[in-house]
C-alpha cells in the first residue's frame, strides 16, 4: 500500500508541470478494467495527442454493509498516425480497500494491471471511446483475459 501512495504522489507532482504544456486530457467512465466501475482522468506528458501519459481513477461499489474502493494508477503510451485512432499500451497498479460489513472486516490489497487496446480520441476534443484487454495479476495469480470498455470526453 505504501508503494501505491508513493506512485500516486509522484504522478500528482508531475501534473502541474504537464498542465502548463496544454497536453491532451480526458475524463472517462470505465466498466471493467482495473477500477471495475470507475471514473478516470488521463493526460499526456507532452503537448501532443500521442505518446506517454498517465491515468488515475477511483471506482468501486457497495452492497448493504459491504463496500470496496479501487484506485487505479498507471502509465500508458498511445501509438497512432491519423490523430484520431490509437493503439494504447500501458500498465500500473490498483490499490484496493474494502469492508465486508463485519466489525473487523476491513482489508486492503493491490494488484498490477496491463492494458492493450483501442482508443478513439479526436484531436480537437469530443467523444472518447476505449476498449481493451486488461490482464491483472498479484501474488495470488494471473487473469489474462480480463477486459474493459470506456466512454468519456477528450478536451
N, C-alpha and C. Protein backbone atom coordinates (compact mmCIF):
# COMPACT_ATOMS: atom_id res chain seq x y z
N UNK A 1 0.82 -1.19 0.00
CA UNK A 1 0.00 0.00 0.00
C UNK A 1 0.87 1.26 0.00
N UNK A 2 2.03 1.22 0.70
CA UNK A 2 2.91 2.37 0.73
C UNK A 2 3.45 2.68 -0.66
N UNK A 3 3.71 1.64 -1.45
CA UNK A 3 4.19 1.84 -2.81
C UNK A 3 3.12 2.54 -3.65
N UNK A 4 1.87 2.16 -3.47
CA UNK A 4 0.77 2.77 -4.21
C UNK A 4 0.66 4.25 -3.89
N UNK A 5 0.75 4.61 -2.62
CA UNK A 5 0.69 6.02 -2.22
C UNK A 5 1.86 6.79 -2.81
N UNK A 6 3.05 6.19 -2.82
CA UNK A 6 4.23 6.84 -3.40
C UNK A 6 4.04 7.08 -4.89
N UNK A 7 3.48 6.11 -5.60
CA UNK A 7 3.25 6.26 -7.05
C UNK A 7 2.24 7.37 -7.31
N UNK A 8 1.16 7.41 -6.55
CA UNK A 8 0.14 8.45 -6.71
C UNK A 8 0.75 9.83 -6.46
N UNK A 9 1.54 9.97 -5.41
CA UNK A 9 2.19 11.25 -5.10
C UNK A 9 3.13 11.68 -6.22
N UNK A 10 3.88 10.74 -6.77
CA UNK A 10 4.81 11.04 -7.86
C UNK A 10 4.05 11.55 -9.09
N UNK A 11 2.98 10.89 -9.46
CA UNK A 11 2.21 11.30 -10.64
C UNK A 11 1.56 12.66 -10.40
N UNK A 12 0.99 12.87 -9.22
CA UNK A 12 0.37 14.16 -8.94
C UNK A 12 1.40 15.29 -8.91
N UNK A 13 2.62 15.00 -8.50
CA UNK A 13 3.68 16.01 -8.50
C UNK A 13 4.03 16.43 -9.93
N UNK A 14 3.92 15.52 -10.89
CA UNK A 14 4.21 15.83 -12.28
C UNK A 14 3.08 16.59 -12.97
N UNK A 15 1.88 16.52 -12.44
CA UNK A 15 0.71 17.10 -13.08
C UNK A 15 0.81 18.60 -13.31
N UNK A 16 1.23 19.45 -12.34
CA UNK A 16 1.30 20.88 -12.61
C UNK A 16 2.22 21.24 -13.77
N UNK A 17 3.36 20.61 -13.87
CA UNK A 17 4.28 20.90 -14.96
C UNK A 17 3.68 20.47 -16.30
N UNK A 18 3.02 19.34 -16.32
CA UNK A 18 2.43 18.85 -17.56
C UNK A 18 1.24 19.70 -17.98
N UNK A 19 0.47 20.21 -17.03
CA UNK A 19 -0.70 21.02 -17.37
C UNK A 19 -0.31 22.29 -18.11
N UNK A 20 0.82 22.90 -17.77
CA UNK A 20 1.23 24.14 -18.41
C UNK A 20 1.56 23.92 -19.89
N UNK A 21 1.75 22.68 -20.33
CA UNK A 21 2.09 22.39 -21.71
C UNK A 21 0.86 22.21 -22.60
N UNK A 22 -0.32 22.31 -22.06
CA UNK A 22 -1.57 22.11 -22.79
C UNK A 22 -1.61 20.75 -23.46
N UNK A 23 -1.33 19.73 -22.70
CA UNK A 23 -1.33 18.35 -23.19
C UNK A 23 -2.76 17.86 -23.34
N UNK A 24 -2.93 16.82 -24.14
CA UNK A 24 -4.24 16.20 -24.32
C UNK A 24 -4.71 15.61 -22.99
N UNK A 25 -5.94 15.94 -22.60
CA UNK A 25 -6.51 15.46 -21.35
C UNK A 25 -7.86 14.84 -21.65
N UNK A 26 -8.25 13.87 -20.82
CA UNK A 26 -9.57 13.27 -20.99
C UNK A 26 -10.10 12.77 -19.65
N UNK A 27 -11.41 12.69 -19.59
CA UNK A 27 -12.11 12.13 -18.44
C UNK A 27 -13.04 11.07 -19.00
N UNK A 28 -13.07 9.88 -18.35
CA UNK A 28 -13.92 8.83 -18.87
C UNK A 28 -14.40 7.90 -17.77
N UNK A 29 -15.54 7.26 -18.04
CA UNK A 29 -16.09 6.22 -17.18
C UNK A 29 -15.67 4.88 -17.77
N UNK A 30 -15.13 4.02 -16.92
CA UNK A 30 -14.67 2.71 -17.39
C UNK A 30 -15.45 1.60 -16.68
N UNK A 31 -15.94 0.68 -17.44
CA UNK A 31 -16.61 -0.51 -16.92
C UNK A 31 -15.68 -1.69 -17.19
N UNK A 32 -15.35 -2.44 -16.15
CA UNK A 32 -14.31 -3.45 -16.25
C UNK A 32 -12.99 -2.75 -16.02
N UNK A 33 -11.93 -3.26 -16.58
CA UNK A 33 -10.63 -2.63 -16.41
C UNK A 33 -10.16 -2.67 -14.96
N UNK A 34 -9.09 -1.95 -14.65
CA UNK A 34 -8.50 -2.05 -13.31
C UNK A 34 -9.31 -1.40 -12.19
N UNK A 35 -10.34 -0.64 -12.51
CA UNK A 35 -11.15 0.01 -11.48
C UNK A 35 -12.55 -0.56 -11.34
N UNK A 36 -12.85 -1.63 -12.03
CA UNK A 36 -14.15 -2.32 -12.07
C UNK A 36 -15.24 -1.43 -12.63
N UNK A 37 -15.66 -0.40 -11.93
CA UNK A 37 -16.58 0.63 -12.42
C UNK A 37 -16.02 1.93 -11.89
N UNK A 38 -15.29 2.67 -12.74
CA UNK A 38 -14.52 3.80 -12.23
C UNK A 38 -14.61 5.03 -13.13
N UNK A 39 -14.32 6.18 -12.53
CA UNK A 39 -14.18 7.45 -13.24
C UNK A 39 -12.69 7.76 -13.26
N UNK A 40 -12.16 8.12 -14.43
CA UNK A 40 -10.72 8.26 -14.60
C UNK A 40 -10.35 9.58 -15.27
N UNK A 41 -9.15 10.07 -14.95
CA UNK A 41 -8.55 11.23 -15.58
C UNK A 41 -7.29 10.74 -16.28
N UNK A 42 -7.10 11.15 -17.53
CA UNK A 42 -5.96 10.71 -18.35
C UNK A 42 -5.32 11.94 -18.99
N UNK A 43 -4.00 11.97 -19.03
CA UNK A 43 -3.31 13.12 -19.61
C UNK A 43 -1.98 12.69 -20.22
N UNK A 44 -1.62 13.32 -21.34
CA UNK A 44 -0.31 13.12 -21.97
C UNK A 44 0.71 13.97 -21.23
N UNK A 45 1.97 13.52 -21.20
CA UNK A 45 3.04 14.27 -20.56
C UNK A 45 3.58 15.38 -21.46
N UNK A 46 3.38 15.28 -22.77
CA UNK A 46 3.84 16.31 -23.70
C UNK A 46 2.65 16.93 -24.40
N UNK A 47 2.88 18.05 -25.07
CA UNK A 47 1.79 18.75 -25.74
C UNK A 47 1.54 18.17 -27.13
N UNK A 48 1.16 16.90 -27.14
CA UNK A 48 0.76 16.23 -28.38
C UNK A 48 -0.29 15.19 -28.04
N UNK A 49 -0.91 14.65 -29.06
CA UNK A 49 -2.04 13.74 -28.86
C UNK A 49 -1.62 12.31 -28.49
N UNK A 50 -0.45 11.91 -28.95
CA UNK A 50 0.00 10.55 -28.68
C UNK A 50 1.20 10.59 -27.74
N UNK A 51 1.82 9.45 -27.52
CA UNK A 51 2.99 9.40 -26.65
C UNK A 51 2.65 8.97 -25.24
N UNK A 52 3.57 9.24 -24.33
CA UNK A 52 3.47 8.80 -22.95
C UNK A 52 2.51 9.66 -22.15
N UNK A 53 1.72 9.00 -21.31
CA UNK A 53 0.78 9.69 -20.44
C UNK A 53 0.48 8.87 -19.22
N UNK A 54 -0.46 9.35 -18.42
CA UNK A 54 -0.85 8.63 -17.22
C UNK A 54 -2.36 8.67 -17.05
N UNK A 55 -2.84 7.79 -16.18
CA UNK A 55 -4.25 7.77 -15.81
C UNK A 55 -4.33 7.53 -14.32
N UNK A 56 -5.34 8.13 -13.69
CA UNK A 56 -5.63 7.91 -12.28
C UNK A 56 -7.15 7.93 -12.15
N UNK A 57 -7.68 7.03 -11.34
CA UNK A 57 -9.13 6.95 -11.22
C UNK A 57 -9.58 6.52 -9.85
N UNK A 58 -10.88 6.49 -9.69
CA UNK A 58 -11.48 6.00 -8.46
C UNK A 58 -12.76 5.26 -8.84
N UNK A 59 -12.96 4.12 -8.22
CA UNK A 59 -14.14 3.31 -8.52
C UNK A 59 -14.46 2.38 -7.38
N UNK A 60 -15.49 1.61 -7.54
CA UNK A 60 -15.88 0.65 -6.53
C UNK A 60 -17.38 0.48 -6.48
N UNK A 61 -17.83 -0.13 -5.40
CA UNK A 61 -19.26 -0.36 -5.22
C UNK A 61 -19.55 -0.71 -3.77
N UNK A 62 -20.82 -0.67 -3.42
CA UNK A 62 -21.26 -1.06 -2.08
C UNK A 62 -22.53 -1.87 -2.17
N UNK A 63 -22.63 -2.89 -1.33
CA UNK A 63 -23.82 -3.74 -1.24
C UNK A 63 -24.13 -3.91 0.23
N UNK A 64 -25.29 -3.44 0.66
CA UNK A 64 -25.68 -3.45 2.07
C UNK A 64 -24.56 -2.83 2.91
N UNK A 65 -23.98 -3.56 3.86
CA UNK A 65 -22.93 -3.01 4.72
C UNK A 65 -21.53 -3.20 4.15
N UNK A 66 -21.38 -3.91 3.08
CA UNK A 66 -20.07 -4.18 2.48
C UNK A 66 -19.77 -3.15 1.40
N UNK A 67 -18.51 -2.76 1.30
CA UNK A 67 -18.10 -1.82 0.26
C UNK A 67 -16.66 -2.10 -0.14
N UNK A 68 -16.31 -1.65 -1.35
CA UNK A 68 -14.95 -1.82 -1.85
C UNK A 68 -14.59 -0.60 -2.69
N UNK A 69 -13.35 -0.14 -2.57
CA UNK A 69 -12.86 1.02 -3.27
C UNK A 69 -11.63 0.63 -4.08
N UNK A 70 -11.61 1.03 -5.36
CA UNK A 70 -10.48 0.77 -6.26
C UNK A 70 -9.86 2.12 -6.65
N UNK A 71 -8.54 2.20 -6.65
CA UNK A 71 -7.83 3.39 -7.11
C UNK A 71 -6.78 2.95 -8.13
N UNK A 72 -7.16 2.94 -9.43
CA UNK A 72 -6.20 2.55 -10.46
C UNK A 72 -5.29 3.72 -10.85
N UNK A 73 -3.99 3.45 -10.93
CA UNK A 73 -2.99 4.43 -11.32
C UNK A 73 -2.07 3.74 -12.34
N UNK A 74 -1.76 4.42 -13.42
CA UNK A 74 -0.89 3.78 -14.39
C UNK A 74 -0.31 4.71 -15.42
N UNK A 75 0.65 4.21 -16.15
CA UNK A 75 1.24 4.88 -17.30
C UNK A 75 0.72 4.22 -18.56
N UNK A 76 0.58 5.01 -19.64
CA UNK A 76 0.16 4.44 -20.91
C UNK A 76 0.86 5.15 -22.05
N UNK A 77 0.87 4.51 -23.18
CA UNK A 77 1.50 5.05 -24.37
C UNK A 77 0.53 4.89 -25.53
N UNK A 78 0.27 5.98 -26.26
CA UNK A 78 -0.62 5.95 -27.41
C UNK A 78 0.19 5.98 -28.69
N UNK A 79 -0.12 5.06 -29.61
CA UNK A 79 0.53 4.97 -30.92
C UNK A 79 -0.52 5.18 -31.99
N UNK A 80 -0.32 6.16 -32.86
CA UNK A 80 -1.27 6.41 -33.94
C UNK A 80 -0.74 7.45 -34.89
N UNK A 81 -1.27 7.45 -36.13
CA UNK A 81 -0.78 8.38 -37.15
C UNK A 81 -1.85 9.32 -37.65
N UNK A 82 -3.12 9.00 -37.48
CA UNK A 82 -4.17 9.84 -38.07
C UNK A 82 -4.75 10.87 -37.11
N UNK A 83 -4.27 10.95 -35.88
CA UNK A 83 -4.75 11.94 -34.92
C UNK A 83 -6.10 11.63 -34.33
N UNK A 84 -6.59 10.40 -34.51
CA UNK A 84 -7.92 10.04 -34.02
C UNK A 84 -7.95 8.61 -33.46
N UNK A 85 -7.35 7.67 -34.16
CA UNK A 85 -7.36 6.26 -33.77
C UNK A 85 -5.99 5.87 -33.23
N UNK A 86 -6.00 5.25 -32.06
CA UNK A 86 -4.74 4.91 -31.39
C UNK A 86 -4.75 3.49 -30.86
N UNK A 87 -3.56 2.90 -30.83
CA UNK A 87 -3.32 1.68 -30.09
C UNK A 87 -2.78 2.13 -28.75
N UNK A 88 -3.37 1.64 -27.66
CA UNK A 88 -2.95 2.02 -26.31
C UNK A 88 -2.32 0.83 -25.61
N UNK A 89 -1.16 1.04 -25.03
CA UNK A 89 -0.48 0.02 -24.25
C UNK A 89 -0.04 0.67 -22.94
N UNK A 90 -0.20 -0.06 -21.85
CA UNK A 90 0.17 0.53 -20.57
C UNK A 90 0.17 -0.49 -19.45
N UNK A 91 0.41 0.03 -18.27
CA UNK A 91 0.42 -0.81 -17.08
C UNK A 91 0.40 0.05 -15.84
N UNK A 92 0.06 -0.57 -14.74
CA UNK A 92 0.01 0.18 -13.49
C UNK A 92 -0.35 -0.70 -12.32
N UNK A 93 -0.81 -0.04 -11.28
CA UNK A 93 -1.19 -0.73 -10.04
C UNK A 93 -2.54 -0.18 -9.58
N UNK A 94 -3.33 -1.04 -8.98
CA UNK A 94 -4.62 -0.64 -8.43
C UNK A 94 -4.63 -0.95 -6.94
N UNK A 95 -4.83 0.08 -6.14
CA UNK A 95 -4.99 -0.09 -4.69
C UNK A 95 -6.44 -0.46 -4.42
N UNK A 96 -6.66 -1.42 -3.53
CA UNK A 96 -8.00 -1.89 -3.21
C UNK A 96 -8.17 -1.81 -1.69
N UNK A 97 -9.29 -1.24 -1.28
CA UNK A 97 -9.61 -1.15 0.14
C UNK A 97 -11.08 -1.50 0.29
N UNK A 98 -11.41 -2.22 1.35
CA UNK A 98 -12.81 -2.61 1.49
C UNK A 98 -13.20 -2.96 2.91
N UNK A 99 -14.49 -3.22 3.04
CA UNK A 99 -15.09 -3.60 4.30
C UNK A 99 -16.16 -4.63 3.98
N UNK A 100 -16.09 -5.80 4.62
CA UNK A 100 -17.07 -6.85 4.32
C UNK A 100 -18.33 -6.75 5.17
N UNK A 101 -18.45 -5.68 5.95
CA UNK A 101 -19.67 -5.47 6.74
C UNK A 101 -19.56 -5.91 8.18
N UNK A 102 -18.55 -6.66 8.54
CA UNK A 102 -18.37 -7.07 9.93
C UNK A 102 -17.51 -6.03 10.66
N UNK A 103 -17.42 -6.15 11.98
CA UNK A 103 -16.66 -5.18 12.78
C UNK A 103 -15.18 -5.12 12.39
N UNK A 104 -14.54 -6.26 12.21
CA UNK A 104 -13.13 -6.29 11.85
C UNK A 104 -12.92 -6.74 10.41
N UNK A 105 -13.85 -6.46 9.55
CA UNK A 105 -13.80 -6.97 8.19
C UNK A 105 -13.14 -6.05 7.19
N UNK A 106 -12.32 -5.10 7.63
CA UNK A 106 -11.65 -4.23 6.68
C UNK A 106 -10.42 -4.93 6.10
N UNK A 107 -10.10 -4.59 4.87
CA UNK A 107 -8.94 -5.16 4.21
C UNK A 107 -8.38 -4.17 3.20
N UNK A 108 -7.13 -4.36 2.84
CA UNK A 108 -6.52 -3.58 1.76
C UNK A 108 -5.51 -4.47 1.06
N UNK A 109 -5.42 -4.28 -0.23
CA UNK A 109 -4.51 -5.04 -1.06
C UNK A 109 -4.23 -4.24 -2.32
N UNK A 110 -3.55 -4.81 -3.25
CA UNK A 110 -3.31 -4.17 -4.54
C UNK A 110 -3.08 -5.25 -5.59
N UNK A 111 -3.20 -4.86 -6.84
CA UNK A 111 -2.88 -5.77 -7.93
C UNK A 111 -2.34 -4.96 -9.10
N UNK A 112 -1.53 -5.60 -9.90
CA UNK A 112 -0.98 -4.97 -11.08
C UNK A 112 -1.89 -5.18 -12.27
N UNK A 113 -1.79 -4.31 -13.23
CA UNK A 113 -2.59 -4.48 -14.46
C UNK A 113 -1.78 -4.01 -15.67
N UNK A 114 -2.10 -4.61 -16.81
CA UNK A 114 -1.57 -4.21 -18.11
C UNK A 114 -2.74 -3.77 -18.94
N UNK A 115 -2.50 -3.07 -20.04
CA UNK A 115 -3.58 -2.64 -20.92
C UNK A 115 -3.12 -2.70 -22.37
N UNK A 116 -3.92 -3.37 -23.19
CA UNK A 116 -3.67 -3.45 -24.63
C UNK A 116 -5.00 -3.19 -25.32
N UNK A 117 -5.13 -2.05 -26.01
CA UNK A 117 -6.44 -1.79 -26.59
C UNK A 117 -6.46 -0.68 -27.62
N UNK A 118 -7.69 -0.35 -27.99
CA UNK A 118 -8.00 0.67 -28.98
C UNK A 118 -8.53 1.91 -28.28
N UNK A 119 -8.13 3.08 -28.78
CA UNK A 119 -8.67 4.35 -28.26
C UNK A 119 -9.06 5.25 -29.42
N UNK A 120 -10.30 5.72 -29.40
CA UNK A 120 -10.79 6.74 -30.33
C UNK A 120 -10.74 8.05 -29.57
N UNK A 121 -9.88 8.98 -30.03
CA UNK A 121 -9.67 10.23 -29.32
C UNK A 121 -9.46 11.34 -30.35
N UNK A 122 -10.50 12.09 -30.71
CA UNK A 122 -10.36 13.15 -31.71
C UNK A 122 -9.38 14.23 -31.28
N UNK A 123 -8.57 14.72 -32.21
CA UNK A 123 -7.55 15.73 -31.91
C UNK A 123 -8.14 17.03 -31.38
N UNK A 124 -9.31 17.42 -31.86
CA UNK A 124 -9.90 18.69 -31.44
C UNK A 124 -10.91 18.53 -30.30
N UNK A 125 -10.88 17.42 -29.61
CA UNK A 125 -11.77 17.20 -28.47
C UNK A 125 -13.07 16.53 -28.87
N UNK A 126 -13.79 16.06 -27.88
CA UNK A 126 -15.07 15.42 -28.12
C UNK A 126 -15.14 14.03 -27.51
N UNK A 127 -16.04 13.22 -28.06
CA UNK A 127 -16.31 11.88 -27.55
C UNK A 127 -15.07 11.00 -27.58
N UNK A 128 -14.81 10.32 -26.48
CA UNK A 128 -13.69 9.39 -26.35
C UNK A 128 -14.24 7.99 -26.11
N UNK A 129 -13.65 7.01 -26.76
CA UNK A 129 -14.02 5.60 -26.59
C UNK A 129 -12.75 4.78 -26.43
N UNK A 130 -12.77 3.85 -25.49
CA UNK A 130 -11.65 2.93 -25.27
C UNK A 130 -12.19 1.53 -25.09
N UNK A 131 -11.45 0.55 -25.57
CA UNK A 131 -11.79 -0.86 -25.34
C UNK A 131 -10.49 -1.65 -25.39
N UNK A 132 -10.35 -2.60 -24.48
CA UNK A 132 -9.12 -3.36 -24.50
C UNK A 132 -9.11 -4.55 -23.56
N UNK A 133 -8.07 -5.32 -23.71
CA UNK A 133 -7.78 -6.45 -22.84
C UNK A 133 -6.91 -5.91 -21.70
N UNK A 134 -7.27 -6.27 -20.46
CA UNK A 134 -6.58 -5.74 -19.28
C UNK A 134 -6.19 -6.90 -18.36
N UNK A 135 -5.09 -7.59 -18.65
CA UNK A 135 -4.65 -8.65 -17.75
C UNK A 135 -4.34 -8.08 -16.36
N UNK A 136 -4.76 -8.81 -15.32
CA UNK A 136 -4.48 -8.38 -13.95
C UNK A 136 -3.71 -9.48 -13.23
N UNK A 137 -2.90 -9.08 -12.25
CA UNK A 137 -2.06 -10.06 -11.55
C UNK A 137 -1.71 -9.56 -10.16
N UNK A 138 -1.49 -10.49 -9.25
CA UNK A 138 -0.96 -10.22 -7.92
C UNK A 138 -0.29 -11.50 -7.42
N UNK A 139 0.04 -11.55 -6.15
CA UNK A 139 0.73 -12.72 -5.62
C UNK A 139 -0.13 -13.98 -5.64
N UNK A 140 -1.44 -13.80 -5.79
CA UNK A 140 -2.37 -14.94 -5.82
C UNK A 140 -2.49 -15.57 -7.21
N UNK A 141 -2.15 -14.80 -8.26
CA UNK A 141 -2.27 -15.38 -9.59
C UNK A 141 -2.34 -14.34 -10.70
N UNK A 142 -2.77 -14.80 -11.87
CA UNK A 142 -2.78 -14.01 -13.10
C UNK A 142 -4.08 -14.27 -13.84
N UNK A 143 -4.78 -13.21 -14.24
CA UNK A 143 -6.02 -13.33 -15.03
C UNK A 143 -5.74 -12.66 -16.37
N UNK A 144 -5.45 -13.46 -17.43
CA UNK A 144 -5.03 -12.87 -18.71
C UNK A 144 -6.16 -12.31 -19.57
N UNK A 145 -7.40 -12.73 -19.36
CA UNK A 145 -8.47 -12.34 -20.28
C UNK A 145 -9.51 -11.43 -19.64
N UNK A 146 -9.09 -10.52 -18.81
CA UNK A 146 -9.98 -9.52 -18.24
C UNK A 146 -10.04 -8.36 -19.23
N UNK A 147 -11.13 -7.63 -19.28
CA UNK A 147 -11.29 -6.58 -20.28
C UNK A 147 -11.94 -5.34 -19.68
N UNK A 148 -11.93 -4.26 -20.46
CA UNK A 148 -12.57 -3.02 -20.04
C UNK A 148 -13.05 -2.23 -21.24
N UNK A 149 -14.06 -1.40 -21.01
CA UNK A 149 -14.60 -0.52 -22.04
C UNK A 149 -14.87 0.83 -21.38
N UNK A 150 -14.58 1.92 -22.11
CA UNK A 150 -14.69 3.26 -21.55
C UNK A 150 -15.38 4.21 -22.52
N UNK A 151 -16.10 5.18 -21.92
CA UNK A 151 -16.74 6.26 -22.67
C UNK A 151 -16.45 7.56 -21.93
N UNK A 152 -16.11 8.61 -22.66
CA UNK A 152 -15.82 9.86 -21.99
C UNK A 152 -15.67 11.01 -22.94
N UNK A 153 -14.91 12.02 -22.47
CA UNK A 153 -14.73 13.25 -23.22
C UNK A 153 -13.26 13.64 -23.21
N UNK A 154 -12.73 13.96 -24.37
CA UNK A 154 -11.36 14.43 -24.52
C UNK A 154 -11.40 15.94 -24.72
N UNK A 155 -10.56 16.67 -23.98
CA UNK A 155 -10.53 18.14 -24.12
C UNK A 155 -9.11 18.65 -24.22
